[in-house]
């Protein structure tokens, strides 16, 4: 418990500063999360009997955020270049090694790591290019915390009392009641945040604000359950130990991996 409190006391102010300030500081943060996240994902995969090409995965994974930042362009097509080149390199390497057995499995798990960790998390840099980008990043993180916290509290209070079958195959402690609680409080939170801090334009109707809250909560929970799905498949409890009792980087940012890209494209569409 003490470790959790200390990590939160130190980590939260740093995270808030990084998200609001953006720029090169955000790039360093994104690179760190991607590097550690890829390490955790590939280590989990190896424990699960897979054999990712770790070195090529690291190169492609770190190329994505740096190309996005130094090109200084709000252009998602930049993400595709390292991924395309990675596919060519992975298949080419297997051909030159004259290997057949488990080739698609090894190529697939390497590629999944890059797309899942780097491709998704690099959208923090794209979000930073948007108007109020830093405020949106902080808002998303707050909403993810709200969703996670209230899903937990509601689930602990009334979980499995109404809906007997939750998400037991993926995460035994997750319940439908908790999921609904997370949705309701996330929608309430984004409504209040917009009322006080005006993160949406003045012309945005309330139903759109609430729709954002609904989608953010749903996607956050999918991200959380998605990472749990991988951990259960690979038969491990936490993705890592870098944050002590908080687990690994992927344990902390599994929801952000999914929510930031979703909100980025929603904002591009509605604006």
C-alpha atoms as a PDB file:
ATOM      1  CA  UNK A   1       0.000   0.000   0.000  1.00  0.00           C
ATOM      2  CA  UNK A   2       2.819   2.434   0.878  1.00  0.00           C
ATOM      3  CA  UNK A   3       4.435   1.741  -2.491  1.00  0.00           C
ATOM      4  CA  UNK A   4       1.175   2.523  -4.290  1.00  0.00           C
ATOM      5  CA  UNK A   5       0.832   5.844  -2.451  1.00  0.00           C
ATOM      6  CA  UNK A   6       4.436   6.887  -3.088  1.00  0.00           C
ATOM      7  CA  UNK A   7       4.238   6.031  -6.796  1.00  0.00           C
ATOM      8  CA  UNK A   8       0.998   8.016  -7.089  1.00  0.00           C
ATOM      9  CA  UNK A   9       2.374  11.031  -5.190  1.00  0.00           C
ATOM     10  CA  UNK A  10       5.442  11.197  -7.425  1.00  0.00           C
ATOM     11  CA  UNK A  11       3.948   9.936 -10.694  1.00  0.00           C
ATOM     12  CA  UNK A  12       0.719  11.918 -10.926  1.00  0.00           C
ATOM     13  CA  UNK A  13       2.267  15.432 -10.789  1.00  0.00           C
ATOM     14  CA  UNK A  14       4.899  14.367 -13.351  1.00  0.00           C
ATOM     15  CA  UNK A  15       2.246  12.897 -15.634  1.00  0.00           C
ATOM     16  CA  UNK A  16       0.030  15.997 -15.399  1.00  0.00           C
ATOM     17  CA  UNK A  17       2.995  18.247 -16.227  1.00  0.00           C
ATOM     18  CA  UNK A  18       4.052  16.132 -19.207  1.00  0.00           C
ATOM     19  CA  UNK A  19       0.534  15.944 -20.680  1.00  0.00           C
ATOM     20  CA  UNK A  20      -0.094  19.689 -20.339  1.00  0.00           C
ATOM     21  CA  UNK A  21       3.348  20.878 -21.443  1.00  0.00           C
ATOM     22  CA  UNK A  22       3.656  18.575 -24.445  1.00  0.00           C
ATOM     23  CA  UNK A  23       6.525  19.157 -26.880  1.00  0.00           C
ATOM     24  CA  UNK A  24       9.854  17.393 -26.438  1.00  0.00           C
ATOM     25  CA  UNK A  25       8.985  16.412 -22.861  1.00  0.00           C
ATOM     26  CA  UNK A  26       5.961  14.519 -24.159  1.00  0.00           C
ATOM     27  CA  UNK A  27       8.134  12.846 -26.801  1.00  0.00           C
ATOM     28  CA  UNK A  28      10.524  11.587 -24.104  1.00  0.00           C
ATOM     29  CA  UNK A  29       7.595  10.274 -22.084  1.00  0.00           C
ATOM     30  CA  UNK A  30       6.032   8.525 -25.103  1.00  0.00           C
ATOM     31  CA  UNK A  31       9.392   6.964 -26.028  1.00  0.00           C
ATOM     32  CA  UNK A  32       9.841   5.695 -22.465  1.00  0.00           C
ATOM     33  CA  UNK A  33       6.355   4.177 -22.277  1.00  0.00           C
ATOM     34  CA  UNK A  34       6.713   2.550 -25.707  1.00  0.00           C
ATOM     35  CA  UNK A  35      10.168   1.136 -24.940  1.00  0.00           C
ATOM     36  CA  UNK A  36       9.103  -0.343 -21.593  1.00  0.00           C
ATOM     37  CA  UNK A  37       5.703  -1.370 -22.972  1.00  0.00           C
ATOM     38  CA  UNK A  38       7.291  -3.279 -25.854  1.00  0.00           C
ATOM     39  CA  UNK A  39       9.693  -4.955 -23.442  1.00  0.00           C
ATOM     40  CA  UNK A  40       6.777  -6.038 -21.249  1.00  0.00           C
ATOM     41  CA  UNK A  41       4.660  -7.232 -24.158  1.00  0.00           C
ATOM     42  CA  UNK A  42       7.431  -9.245 -25.791  1.00  0.00           C
ATOM     43  CA  UNK A  43       8.472 -10.701 -22.430  1.00  0.00           C
ATOM     44  CA  UNK A  44       4.873 -11.796 -21.802  1.00  0.00           C
ATOM     45  CA  UNK A  45       4.743 -13.314 -25.268  1.00  0.00           C
ATOM     46  CA  UNK A  46       7.986 -15.219 -24.669  1.00  0.00           C
ATOM     47  CA  UNK A  47       6.627 -16.568 -21.375  1.00  0.00           C
ATOM     48  CA  UNK A  48       3.582 -17.674 -23.360  1.00  0.00           C
ATOM     49  CA  UNK A  49       5.756 -19.644 -25.767  1.00  0.00           C
ATOM     50  CA  UNK A  50       5.936 -17.091 -28.603  1.00  0.00           C
ATOM     51  CA  UNK A  51       9.168 -15.913 -30.253  1.00  0.00           C
ATOM     52  CA  UNK A  52       8.908 -12.272 -31.325  1.00  0.00           C
ATOM     53  CA  UNK A  53      11.752 -10.575 -33.179  1.00  0.00           C
ATOM     54  CA  UNK A  54      12.444  -8.177 -30.331  1.00  0.00           C
ATOM     55  CA  UNK A  55      15.164  -6.095 -31.996  1.00  0.00           C
ATOM     56  CA  UNK A  56      13.173  -5.313 -35.137  1.00  0.00           C
ATOM     57  CA  UNK A  57      10.135  -4.637 -32.946  1.00  0.00           C
ATOM     58  CA  UNK A  58      12.048  -2.079 -30.879  1.00  0.00           C
ATOM     59  CA  UNK A  59      13.404  -0.315 -33.980  1.00  0.00           C
ATOM     60  CA  UNK A  60      10.008  -0.003 -35.641  1.00  0.00           C
ATOM     61  CA  UNK A  61       8.234   0.811 -32.381  1.00  0.00           C
ATOM     62  CA  UNK A  62      10.556   3.697 -31.513  1.00  0.00           C
ATOM     63  CA  UNK A  63      10.650   4.956 -35.100  1.00  0.00           C
ATOM     64  CA  UNK A  64       6.926   5.763 -35.064  1.00  0.00           C
ATOM     65  CA  UNK A  65       6.818   8.454 -32.306  1.00  0.00           C
ATOM     66  CA  UNK A  66      10.077  10.062 -33.414  1.00  0.00           C
ATOM     67  CA  UNK A  67       8.997  10.299 -37.052  1.00  0.00           C
ATOM     68  CA  UNK A  68       5.712  11.846 -35.919  1.00  0.00           C
ATOM     69  CA  UNK A  69       7.448  14.394 -33.702  1.00  0.00           C
ATOM     70  CA  UNK A  70      10.310  15.478 -35.925  1.00  0.00           C
ATOM     71  CA  UNK A  71       8.152  15.648 -39.050  1.00  0.00           C
ATOM     72  CA  UNK A  72       6.003  18.126 -37.082  1.00  0.00           C
ATOM     73  CA  UNK A  73       2.926  16.976 -38.986  1.00  0.00           C
ATOM     74  CA  UNK A  74      -0.546  15.936 -37.879  1.00  0.00           C
ATOM     75  CA  UNK A  75      -0.427  13.028 -40.322  1.00  0.00           C
ATOM     76  CA  UNK A  76      -1.411   9.510 -39.310  1.00  0.00           C
ATOM     77  CA  UNK A  77       0.055   8.099 -42.532  1.00  0.00           C
ATOM     78  CA  UNK A  78       3.506   8.504 -40.985  1.00  0.00           C
ATOM     79  CA  UNK A  79       2.626   5.666 -38.602  1.00  0.00           C
ATOM     80  CA  UNK A  80       2.258   3.273 -41.530  1.00  0.00           C
ATOM     81  CA  UNK A  81       5.808   3.612 -42.865  1.00  0.00           C
ATOM     82  CA  UNK A  82       7.639   1.833 -39.999  1.00  0.00           C
ATOM     83  CA  UNK A  83       4.894  -0.810 -39.879  1.00  0.00           C
ATOM     84  CA  UNK A  84       5.119  -1.532 -43.610  1.00  0.00           C
ATOM     85  CA  UNK A  85       8.916  -1.683 -43.477  1.00  0.00           C
ATOM     86  CA  UNK A  86       8.695  -3.945 -40.422  1.00  0.00           C
ATOM     87  CA  UNK A  87       6.489  -6.421 -42.296  1.00  0.00           C
ATOM     88  CA  UNK A  88       8.971  -6.454 -45.200  1.00  0.00           C
ATOM     89  CA  UNK A  89      11.933  -6.917 -42.818  1.00  0.00           C
ATOM     90  CA  UNK A  90      10.261  -9.674 -40.772  1.00  0.00           C
ATOM     91  CA  UNK A  91       9.202 -11.717 -43.791  1.00  0.00           C
ATOM     92  CA  UNK A  92      12.512 -11.075 -45.543  1.00  0.00           C
ATOM     93  CA  UNK A  93      14.448 -12.251 -42.501  1.00  0.00           C
ATOM     94  CA  UNK A  94      12.447 -15.491 -42.305  1.00  0.00           C
ATOM     95  CA  UNK A  95      12.996 -16.107 -46.028  1.00  0.00           C
ATOM     96  CA  UNK A  96      16.743 -15.539 -45.743  1.00  0.00           C
ATOM     97  CA  UNK A  97      16.852 -17.849 -42.716  1.00  0.00           C
ATOM     98  CA  UNK A  98      14.953 -20.432 -44.788  1.00  0.00           C
ATOM     99  CA  UNK A  99      12.542 -20.930 -41.867  1.00  0.00           C
ATOM    100  CA  UNK A 100       8.978 -22.210 -42.135  1.00  0.00           C
ATOM    101  CA  UNK A 101       7.900 -23.430 -38.700  1.00  0.00           C
ATOM    102  CA  UNK A 102       5.865 -20.859 -36.707  1.00  0.00           C
ATOM    103  CA  UNK A 103       6.846 -18.078 -39.120  1.00  0.00           C
ATOM    104  CA  UNK A 104       3.386 -16.466 -39.181  1.00  0.00           C
ATOM    105  CA  UNK A 105       3.142 -16.714 -35.376  1.00  0.00           C
ATOM    106  CA  UNK A 106       6.512 -15.017 -34.789  1.00  0.00           C
ATOM    107  CA  UNK A 107       5.883 -12.330 -37.401  1.00  0.00           C
ATOM    108  CA  UNK A 108       2.358 -11.740 -36.104  1.00  0.00           C
ATOM    109  CA  UNK A 109       3.313 -11.332 -32.436  1.00  0.00           C
ATOM    110  CA  UNK A 110       6.161  -8.950 -33.339  1.00  0.00           C
ATOM    111  CA  UNK A 111       3.862  -6.844 -35.485  1.00  0.00           C
ATOM    112  CA  UNK A 112       1.088  -6.893 -32.876  1.00  0.00           C
ATOM    113  CA  UNK A 113       3.468  -5.526 -30.249  1.00  0.00           C
ATOM    114  CA  UNK A 114       4.412  -2.576 -32.454  1.00  0.00           C
ATOM    115  CA  UNK A 115       0.849  -1.739 -33.491  1.00  0.00           C
ATOM    116  CA  UNK A 116      -0.641  -2.309 -30.031  1.00  0.00           C
ATOM    117  CA  UNK A 117       1.966  -0.441 -27.994  1.00  0.00           C
ATOM    118  CA  UNK A 118       3.651   2.055 -30.311  1.00  0.00           C
ATOM    119  CA  UNK A 119       1.013   2.623 -32.965  1.00  0.00           C
ATOM    120  CA  UNK A 120      -1.673   3.353 -30.385  1.00  0.00           C
ATOM    121  CA  UNK A 121       0.360   5.263 -27.786  1.00  0.00           C
ATOM    122  CA  UNK A 122       2.047   7.487 -30.392  1.00  0.00           C
ATOM    123  CA  UNK A 123      -1.351   9.122 -30.855  1.00  0.00           C
ATOM    124  CA  UNK A 124      -0.514  11.193 -27.763  1.00  0.00           C
ATOM    125  CA  UNK A 125       1.831  13.160 -30.016  1.00  0.00           C
ATOM    126  CA  UNK A 126      -0.857  13.568 -32.676  1.00  0.00           C
ATOM    127  CA  UNK A 127      -3.332  14.719 -30.029  1.00  0.00           C
ATOM    128  CA  UNK A 128      -0.821  17.333 -28.934  1.00  0.00           C
ATOM    129  CA  UNK A 129      -1.087  18.976 -32.369  1.00  0.00           C
ATOM    130  CA  UNK A 130      -4.824  19.555 -31.988  1.00  0.00           C
ATOM    131  CA  UNK A 131      -6.327  22.713 -30.433  1.00  0.00           C
ATOM    132  CA  UNK A 132      -6.327  22.303 -26.632  1.00  0.00           C
ATOM    133  CA  UNK A 133      -4.427  19.070 -27.218  1.00  0.00           C
ATOM    134  CA  UNK A 134      -2.677  19.100 -23.846  1.00  0.00           C
ATOM    135  CA  UNK A 135      -5.927  19.800 -22.012  1.00  0.00           C
ATOM    136  CA  UNK A 136      -7.582  16.963 -23.896  1.00  0.00           C
ATOM    137  CA  UNK A 137      -4.797  14.558 -22.941  1.00  0.00           C
ATOM    138  CA  UNK A 138      -5.181  15.472 -19.275  1.00  0.00           C
ATOM    139  CA  UNK A 139      -8.978  15.253 -19.519  1.00  0.00           C
ATOM    140  CA  UNK A 140      -8.741  11.785 -21.056  1.00  0.00           C
ATOM    141  CA  UNK A 141      -6.407  10.617 -18.293  1.00  0.00           C
ATOM    142  CA  UNK A 142      -8.769  11.974 -15.611  1.00  0.00           C
ATOM    143  CA  UNK A 143     -11.745  10.287 -17.270  1.00  0.00           C
ATOM    144  CA  UNK A 144      -9.863   6.986 -17.461  1.00  0.00           C
ATOM    145  CA  UNK A 145      -9.119   7.269 -13.734  1.00  0.00           C
ATOM    146  CA  UNK A 146     -12.794   8.062 -13.033  1.00  0.00           C
ATOM    147  CA  UNK A 147     -13.982   5.124 -15.121  1.00  0.00           C
ATOM    148  CA  UNK A 148     -11.517   2.700 -13.561  1.00  0.00           C
ATOM    149  CA  UNK A 149     -12.191   3.847  -9.999  1.00  0.00           C
ATOM    150  CA  UNK A 150     -15.989   3.855 -10.125  1.00  0.00           C
ATOM    151  CA  UNK A 151     -16.141   0.594 -12.079  1.00  0.00           C
ATOM    152  CA  UNK A 152     -14.132  -0.900  -9.221  1.00  0.00           C
ATOM    153  CA  UNK A 153     -16.225   0.619  -6.416  1.00  0.00           C
ATOM    154  CA  UNK A 154     -19.589  -0.173  -8.021  1.00  0.00           C
ATOM    155  CA  UNK A 155     -18.376  -3.667  -8.888  1.00  0.00           C
ATOM    156  CA  UNK A 156     -17.263  -4.248  -5.300  1.00  0.00           C
ATOM    157  CA  UNK A 157     -20.602  -2.992  -3.990  1.00  0.00           C
ATOM    158  CA  UNK A 158     -23.185  -4.647  -6.242  1.00  0.00           C
ATOM    159  CA  UNK A 159     -21.163  -6.702  -8.738  1.00  0.00           C
ATOM    160  CA  UNK A 160     -22.775 -10.010  -9.865  1.00  0.00           C
ATOM    161  CA  UNK A 161     -25.962  -9.211  -7.915  1.00  0.00           C
ATOM    162  CA  UNK A 162     -27.958  -8.272 -11.029  1.00  0.00           C
ATOM    163  CA  UNK A 163     -25.977  -9.776 -13.889  1.00  0.00           C
ATOM    164  CA  UNK A 164     -24.539 -13.109 -12.793  1.00  0.00           C
ATOM    165  CA  UNK A 165     -22.146 -13.485 -15.708  1.00  0.00           C
ATOM    166  CA  UNK A 166     -19.503 -10.806 -15.937  1.00  0.00           C
ATOM    167  CA  UNK A 167     -16.194 -11.074 -17.775  1.00  0.00           C
ATOM    168  CA  UNK A 168     -15.014 -14.122 -15.863  1.00  0.00           C
ATOM    169  CA  UNK A 169     -13.185 -15.727 -18.789  1.00  0.00           C
ATOM    170  CA  UNK A 170     -10.900 -12.689 -19.098  1.00  0.00           C
ATOM    171  CA  UNK A 171     -10.979 -11.013 -15.686  1.00  0.00           C
ATOM    172  CA  UNK A 172     -12.899 -12.795 -12.891  1.00  0.00           C
ATOM    173  CA  UNK A 173     -13.300  -9.627 -10.806  1.00  0.00           C
ATOM    174  CA  UNK A 174     -14.898  -7.536 -13.588  1.00  0.00           C
ATOM    175  CA  UNK A 175     -18.707  -7.334 -13.524  1.00  0.00           C
ATOM    176  CA  UNK A 176     -21.383  -5.858 -15.775  1.00  0.00           C
ATOM    177  CA  UNK A 177     -22.608  -3.709 -12.870  1.00  0.00           C
ATOM    178  CA  UNK A 178     -19.115  -2.281 -12.430  1.00  0.00           C
ATOM    179  CA  UNK A 179     -18.889  -1.586 -16.154  1.00  0.00           C
ATOM    180  CA  UNK A 180     -22.196   0.313 -16.100  1.00  0.00           C
ATOM    181  CA  UNK A 181     -21.049   2.266 -13.033  1.00  0.00           C
ATOM    182  CA  UNK A 182     -17.880   3.276 -14.866  1.00  0.00           C
ATOM    183  CA  UNK A 183     -19.932   4.471 -17.851  1.00  0.00           C
ATOM    184  CA  UNK A 184     -22.378   6.531 -15.774  1.00  0.00           C
ATOM    185  CA  UNK A 185     -19.711   8.316 -13.720  1.00  0.00           C
ATOM    186  CA  UNK A 186     -17.493   8.939 -16.759  1.00  0.00           C
ATOM    187  CA  UNK A 187     -20.394  10.587 -18.567  1.00  0.00           C
ATOM    188  CA  UNK A 188     -21.124  12.702 -15.496  1.00  0.00           C
ATOM    189  CA  UNK A 189     -17.445  13.637 -15.169  1.00  0.00           C
ATOM    190  CA  UNK A 190     -17.000  14.803 -18.766  1.00  0.00           C
ATOM    191  CA  UNK A 191     -20.204  16.847 -18.501  1.00  0.00           C
ATOM    192  CA  UNK A 192     -18.909  18.612 -15.383  1.00  0.00           C
ATOM    193  CA  UNK A 193     -15.409  19.097 -16.824  1.00  0.00           C
ATOM    194  CA  UNK A 194     -16.848  20.695 -19.951  1.00  0.00           C
ATOM    195  CA  UNK A 195     -19.117  22.952 -17.879  1.00  0.00           C
ATOM    196  CA  UNK A 196     -16.179  24.316 -15.896  1.00  0.00           C
ATOM    197  CA  UNK A 197     -13.251  24.123 -18.331  1.00  0.00           C
ATOM    198  CA  UNK A 198     -14.946  24.305 -21.764  1.00  0.00           C
ATOM    199  CA  UNK A 199     -12.901  21.609 -23.492  1.00  0.00           C
ATOM    200  CA  UNK A 200     -15.511  21.460 -26.284  1.00  0.00           C
ATOM    201  CA  UNK A 201     -16.414  24.397 -28.499  1.00  0.00           C
ATOM    202  CA  UNK A 202     -19.347  26.524 -27.357  1.00  0.00           C
ATOM    203  CA  UNK A 203     -21.528  25.168 -30.194  1.00  0.00           C
ATOM    204  CA  UNK A 204     -21.138  21.525 -29.120  1.00  0.00           C
ATOM    205  CA  UNK A 205     -24.505  20.172 -27.901  1.00  0.00           C
ATOM    206  CA  UNK A 206     -24.654  18.333 -24.592  1.00  0.00           C
ATOM    207  CA  UNK A 207     -25.613  15.030 -26.211  1.00  0.00           C
ATOM    208  CA  UNK A 208     -22.277  15.047 -28.081  1.00  0.00           C
ATOM    209  CA  UNK A 209     -20.426  15.704 -24.804  1.00  0.00           C
ATOM    210  CA  UNK A 210     -22.233  12.799 -23.162  1.00  0.00           C
ATOM    211  CA  UNK A 211     -21.620  10.614 -26.230  1.00  0.00           C
ATOM    212  CA  UNK A 212     -17.893  11.253 -25.833  1.00  0.00           C
ATOM    213  CA  UNK A 213     -18.155  10.182 -22.193  1.00  0.00           C
ATOM    214  CA  UNK A 214     -19.981   6.991 -23.148  1.00  0.00           C
ATOM    215  CA  UNK A 215     -17.451   6.074 -25.840  1.00  0.00           C
ATOM    216  CA  UNK A 216     -14.446   6.945 -23.672  1.00  0.00           C
ATOM    217  CA  UNK A 217     -15.711   4.697 -20.887  1.00  0.00           C
ATOM    218  CA  UNK A 218     -16.495   1.804 -23.229  1.00  0.00           C
ATOM    219  CA  UNK A 219     -13.139   2.026 -25.002  1.00  0.00           C
ATOM    220  CA  UNK A 220     -11.243   2.425 -21.713  1.00  0.00           C
ATOM    221  CA  UNK A 221     -12.810  -0.781 -20.410  1.00  0.00           C
ATOM    222  CA  UNK A 222     -12.072  -2.611 -23.665  1.00  0.00           C
ATOM    223  CA  UNK A 223      -8.440  -1.512 -23.369  1.00  0.00           C
ATOM    224  CA  UNK A 224      -8.278  -2.746 -19.783  1.00  0.00           C
ATOM    225  CA  UNK A 225      -9.903  -6.070 -20.610  1.00  0.00           C
ATOM    226  CA  UNK A 226      -7.795  -6.411 -23.748  1.00  0.00           C
ATOM    227  CA  UNK A 227      -4.586  -6.311 -21.758  1.00  0.00           C
ATOM    228  CA  UNK A 228      -6.098  -8.735 -19.221  1.00  0.00           C
ATOM    229  CA  UNK A 229      -6.902 -11.024 -22.135  1.00  0.00           C
ATOM    230  CA  UNK A 230      -3.238 -11.079 -23.193  1.00  0.00           C
ATOM    231  CA  UNK A 231      -2.057 -11.680 -19.620  1.00  0.00           C
ATOM    232  CA  UNK A 232      -4.493 -14.543 -19.151  1.00  0.00           C
ATOM    233  CA  UNK A 233      -3.427 -16.089 -22.461  1.00  0.00           C
ATOM    234  CA  UNK A 234       0.251 -15.790 -21.504  1.00  0.00           C
ATOM    235  CA  UNK A 235      -0.572 -16.963 -17.936  1.00  0.00           C
ATOM    236  CA  UNK A 236       0.940 -14.063 -15.975  1.00  0.00           C
ATOM    237  CA  UNK A 237      -0.508 -11.718 -13.333  1.00  0.00           C
ATOM    238  CA  UNK A 238       1.125  -8.356 -14.169  1.00  0.00           C
ATOM    239  CA  UNK A 239       2.809  -7.091 -17.320  1.00  0.00           C
ATOM    240  CA  UNK A 240       5.827  -6.015 -15.254  1.00  0.00           C
ATOM    241  CA  UNK A 241       7.115  -4.730 -11.910  1.00  0.00           C
ATOM    242  CA  UNK A 242       8.553  -1.334 -12.852  1.00  0.00           C
ATOM    243  CA  UNK A 243       5.819   0.464 -10.845  1.00  0.00           C
ATOM    244  CA  UNK A 244       5.931  -1.893  -7.861  1.00  0.00           C
ATOM    245  CA  UNK A 245       2.459  -2.735  -6.592  1.00  0.00           C
ATOM    246  CA  UNK A 246       0.956  -0.848  -9.538  1.00  0.00           C
ATOM    247  CA  UNK A 247       2.408  -3.475 -11.876  1.00  0.00           C
ATOM    248  CA  UNK A 248       3.929  -2.655 -15.245  1.00  0.00           C
ATOM    249  CA  UNK A 249       3.634   0.181 -17.717  1.00  0.00           C
ATOM    250  CA  UNK A 250       1.004  -1.684 -19.737  1.00  0.00           C
ATOM    251  CA  UNK A 251      -1.004  -2.279 -16.557  1.00  0.00           C
ATOM    252  CA  UNK A 252      -1.176   1.487 -15.985  1.00  0.00           C
ATOM    253  CA  UNK A 253      -1.670   2.692 -19.554  1.00  0.00           C
ATOM    254  CA  UNK A 254      -3.759  -0.122 -21.078  1.00  0.00           C
ATOM    255  CA  UNK A 255      -6.856   2.103 -21.248  1.00  0.00           C
ATOM    256  CA  UNK A 256      -4.990   5.171 -22.532  1.00  0.00           C
ATOM    257  CA  UNK A 257      -3.602   3.053 -25.380  1.00  0.00           C
ATOM    258  CA  UNK A 258      -7.145   2.713 -26.703  1.00  0.00           C
ATOM    259  CA  UNK A 259      -8.835   5.929 -25.578  1.00  0.00           C
ATOM    260  CA  UNK A 260      -6.364   8.499 -26.934  1.00  0.00           C
ATOM    261  CA  UNK A 261      -6.568   7.293 -30.573  1.00  0.00           C
ATOM    262  CA  UNK A 262     -10.359   7.018 -30.308  1.00  0.00           C
ATOM    263  CA  UNK A 263     -10.781  10.570 -29.007  1.00  0.00           C
ATOM    264  CA  UNK A 264      -8.234  11.878 -31.514  1.00  0.00           C
ATOM    265  CA  UNK A 265     -10.272  10.596 -34.456  1.00  0.00           C
ATOM    266  CA  UNK A 266     -13.563  11.702 -32.877  1.00  0.00           C
ATOM    267  CA  UNK A 267     -12.198  15.239 -32.480  1.00  0.00           C
ATOM    268  CA  UNK A 268     -10.944  15.234 -36.075  1.00  0.00           C
ATOM    269  CA  UNK A 269     -14.408  14.144 -37.206  1.00  0.00           C
ATOM    270  CA  UNK A 270     -16.469  16.550 -35.089  1.00  0.00           C
ATOM    271  CA  UNK A 271     -14.133  19.502 -35.669  1.00  0.00           C
END
